């Protein structure tokens, strides 16, 4: 998978007022700063910096990330749903990459 590719999973259906689990995996190397063994040149870090969780275009949660996050992080967030809608994650890294994923959830 390419850098920034992600998987977003939510239940297809939920009951009104239910707390559901929003799960995601983001493909990213999360490499810390290091030196090139051949040249001694410093190689800058490449890390995710921020993830926003939105529900029906309303911000629910923001996660600030850095070098302490593992490569290809798995993240799970609890979300209380009152209406059907779209769950969206928007995430970015320190090299200008920006991606988003969406998933629908139907509330009965």
C-alpha atoms as a PDB file:
ATOM      1  CA  UNK A   1       0.000   0.000   0.000  1.00  0.00           C
ATOM      2  CA  UNK A   2       1.083   3.560  -0.642  1.00  0.00           C
ATOM      3  CA  UNK A   3       1.871   6.058   2.083  1.00  0.00           C
ATOM      4  CA  UNK A   4      -1.353   7.593   3.369  1.00  0.00           C
ATOM      5  CA  UNK A   5      -3.552   4.728   2.272  1.00  0.00           C
ATOM      6  CA  UNK A   6      -5.936   3.893   5.025  1.00  0.00           C
ATOM      7  CA  UNK A   7      -8.724   1.634   6.130  1.00  0.00           C
ATOM      8  CA  UNK A   8     -11.718   3.067   8.002  1.00  0.00           C
ATOM      9  CA  UNK A   9     -14.235   0.742   9.624  1.00  0.00           C
ATOM     10  CA  UNK A  10     -17.509   1.576  11.334  1.00  0.00           C
ATOM     11  CA  UNK A  11     -20.604  -0.580  11.859  1.00  0.00           C
ATOM     12  CA  UNK A  12     -23.025  -0.409   8.913  1.00  0.00           C
ATOM     13  CA  UNK A  13     -25.914   0.134  11.351  1.00  0.00           C
ATOM     14  CA  UNK A  14     -26.330   1.352  14.912  1.00  0.00           C
ATOM     15  CA  UNK A  15     -29.166   2.231  17.260  1.00  0.00           C
ATOM     16  CA  UNK A  16     -29.901   5.859  18.083  1.00  0.00           C
ATOM     17  CA  UNK A  17     -27.689   6.939  20.991  1.00  0.00           C
ATOM     18  CA  UNK A  18     -25.378   3.931  20.665  1.00  0.00           C
ATOM     19  CA  UNK A  19     -21.636   4.345  21.139  1.00  0.00           C
ATOM     20  CA  UNK A  20     -19.861   2.749  18.173  1.00  0.00           C
ATOM     21  CA  UNK A  21     -16.199   2.003  17.594  1.00  0.00           C
ATOM     22  CA  UNK A  22     -14.524   3.864  14.733  1.00  0.00           C
ATOM     23  CA  UNK A  23     -11.415   1.902  13.720  1.00  0.00           C
ATOM     24  CA  UNK A  24      -8.702   2.916  11.301  1.00  0.00           C
ATOM     25  CA  UNK A  25      -5.315   1.785  10.078  1.00  0.00           C
ATOM     26  CA  UNK A  26      -3.109   4.275   8.252  1.00  0.00           C
ATOM     27  CA  UNK A  27      -0.213   3.142   6.080  1.00  0.00           C
ATOM     28  CA  UNK A  28       2.686   5.411   7.015  1.00  0.00           C
ATOM     29  CA  UNK A  29       6.380   4.724   7.781  1.00  0.00           C
ATOM     30  CA  UNK A  30       6.538   7.049  10.826  1.00  0.00           C
ATOM     31  CA  UNK A  31      10.322   7.228  10.472  1.00  0.00           C
ATOM     32  CA  UNK A  32      12.253   9.167  13.116  1.00  0.00           C
ATOM     33  CA  UNK A  33      15.165  11.471  12.280  1.00  0.00           C
ATOM     34  CA  UNK A  34      18.252   9.431  11.478  1.00  0.00           C
ATOM     35  CA  UNK A  35      21.622   9.589   9.721  1.00  0.00           C
ATOM     36  CA  UNK A  36      22.425   8.045   6.375  1.00  0.00           C
ATOM     37  CA  UNK A  37      25.148   5.488   7.176  1.00  0.00           C
ATOM     38  CA  UNK A  38      26.884   6.067   3.842  1.00  0.00           C
ATOM     39  CA  UNK A  39      27.031   9.871   3.869  1.00  0.00           C
ATOM     40  CA  UNK A  40      26.468  10.858   7.482  1.00  0.00           C
ATOM     41  CA  UNK A  41      23.775  13.265   6.288  1.00  0.00           C
ATOM     42  CA  UNK A  42      20.756  13.658   8.550  1.00  0.00           C
ATOM     43  CA  UNK A  43      17.552  12.253   7.110  1.00  0.00           C
ATOM     44  CA  UNK A  44      14.577  14.248   8.407  1.00  0.00           C
ATOM     45  CA  UNK A  45      11.672  12.497  10.123  1.00  0.00           C
ATOM     46  CA  UNK A  46       8.537  11.508   8.239  1.00  0.00           C
ATOM     47  CA  UNK A  47       5.606  11.336  10.649  1.00  0.00           C
ATOM     48  CA  UNK A  48       1.871  11.787  10.819  1.00  0.00           C
ATOM     49  CA  UNK A  49       1.125  15.020  12.623  1.00  0.00           C
ATOM     50  CA  UNK A  50      -2.646  15.275  12.965  1.00  0.00           C
ATOM     51  CA  UNK A  51      -5.849  13.282  12.584  1.00  0.00           C
ATOM     52  CA  UNK A  52      -9.340  14.777  12.684  1.00  0.00           C
ATOM     53  CA  UNK A  53     -12.492  12.694  13.147  1.00  0.00           C
ATOM     54  CA  UNK A  54     -15.658  14.279  11.775  1.00  0.00           C
ATOM     55  CA  UNK A  55     -19.254  13.111  11.822  1.00  0.00           C
ATOM     56  CA  UNK A  56     -21.577  14.772   9.315  1.00  0.00           C
ATOM     57  CA  UNK A  57     -18.865  17.405   8.773  1.00  0.00           C
ATOM     58  CA  UNK A  58     -18.733  18.319  12.479  1.00  0.00           C
ATOM     59  CA  UNK A  59     -15.396  17.927  14.242  1.00  0.00           C
ATOM     60  CA  UNK A  60     -15.623  15.245  16.932  1.00  0.00           C
ATOM     61  CA  UNK A  61     -11.991  14.673  17.861  1.00  0.00           C
ATOM     62  CA  UNK A  62      -8.461  15.755  16.975  1.00  0.00           C
ATOM     63  CA  UNK A  63      -5.386  13.637  17.621  1.00  0.00           C
ATOM     64  CA  UNK A  64      -1.969  15.291  17.456  1.00  0.00           C
ATOM     65  CA  UNK A  65       0.738  12.783  16.586  1.00  0.00           C
ATOM     66  CA  UNK A  66       4.499  12.666  16.344  1.00  0.00           C
ATOM     67  CA  UNK A  67       7.497  10.378  16.438  1.00  0.00           C
ATOM     68  CA  UNK A  68       6.106   8.318  19.329  1.00  0.00           C
ATOM     69  CA  UNK A  69       3.418   6.775  17.100  1.00  0.00           C
ATOM     70  CA  UNK A  70       4.226   3.411  15.509  1.00  0.00           C
ATOM     71  CA  UNK A  71       4.452   2.785  11.788  1.00  0.00           C
ATOM     72  CA  UNK A  72       1.085   1.943  10.213  1.00  0.00           C
ATOM     73  CA  UNK A  73      -0.839   2.979  13.336  1.00  0.00           C
ATOM     74  CA  UNK A  74      -4.127   1.365  14.358  1.00  0.00           C
ATOM     75  CA  UNK A  75      -6.427   3.881  16.013  1.00  0.00           C
ATOM     76  CA  UNK A  76      -9.864   3.312  17.550  1.00  0.00           C
ATOM     77  CA  UNK A  77     -12.197   6.046  18.795  1.00  0.00           C
ATOM     78  CA  UNK A  78     -15.613   5.736  20.470  1.00  0.00           C
ATOM     79  CA  UNK A  79     -18.365   7.767  18.804  1.00  0.00           C
ATOM     80  CA  UNK A  80     -21.942   8.266  20.006  1.00  0.00           C
ATOM     81  CA  UNK A  81     -24.353   8.392  17.060  1.00  0.00           C
ATOM     82  CA  UNK A  82     -27.780  10.016  17.150  1.00  0.00           C
ATOM     83  CA  UNK A  83     -28.434  10.207  13.395  1.00  0.00           C
ATOM     84  CA  UNK A  84     -27.383   8.439  10.214  1.00  0.00           C
ATOM     85  CA  UNK A  85     -24.449  10.039   8.498  1.00  0.00           C
ATOM     86  CA  UNK A  86     -20.893  10.030   7.269  1.00  0.00           C
ATOM     87  CA  UNK A  87     -17.845   9.365   9.433  1.00  0.00           C
ATOM     88  CA  UNK A  88     -14.761  11.028   7.966  1.00  0.00           C
ATOM     89  CA  UNK A  89     -11.124  10.980   9.019  1.00  0.00           C
ATOM     90  CA  UNK A  90      -8.702  13.583   7.703  1.00  0.00           C
ATOM     91  CA  UNK A  91      -5.017  13.078   8.431  1.00  0.00           C
ATOM     92  CA  UNK A  92      -1.761  14.749   7.452  1.00  0.00           C
ATOM     93  CA  UNK A  93       1.978  14.363   7.785  1.00  0.00           C
ATOM     94  CA  UNK A  94       4.980  16.651   8.198  1.00  0.00           C
ATOM     95  CA  UNK A  95       5.884  16.468   4.490  1.00  0.00           C
ATOM     96  CA  UNK A  96       2.639  17.999   3.254  1.00  0.00           C
ATOM     97  CA  UNK A  97       0.694  14.788   2.677  1.00  0.00           C
ATOM     98  CA  UNK A  98      -3.026  15.064   3.383  1.00  0.00           C
ATOM     99  CA  UNK A  99      -5.585  12.287   3.026  1.00  0.00           C
ATOM    100  CA  UNK A 100      -9.146  11.472   3.977  1.00  0.00           C
ATOM    101  CA  UNK A 101     -11.426   8.451   4.212  1.00  0.00           C
ATOM    102  CA  UNK A 102     -15.188   8.228   4.702  1.00  0.00           C
ATOM    103  CA  UNK A 103     -17.676   5.579   5.782  1.00  0.00           C
ATOM    104  CA  UNK A 104     -21.469   5.668   6.099  1.00  0.00           C
ATOM    105  CA  UNK A 105     -23.415   4.591   9.139  1.00  0.00           C
ATOM    106  CA  UNK A 106     -27.174   4.095   9.310  1.00  0.00           C
ATOM    107  CA  UNK A 107     -28.907   4.837  12.614  1.00  0.00           C
ATOM    108  CA  UNK A 108     -32.206   3.089  13.310  1.00  0.00           C
END
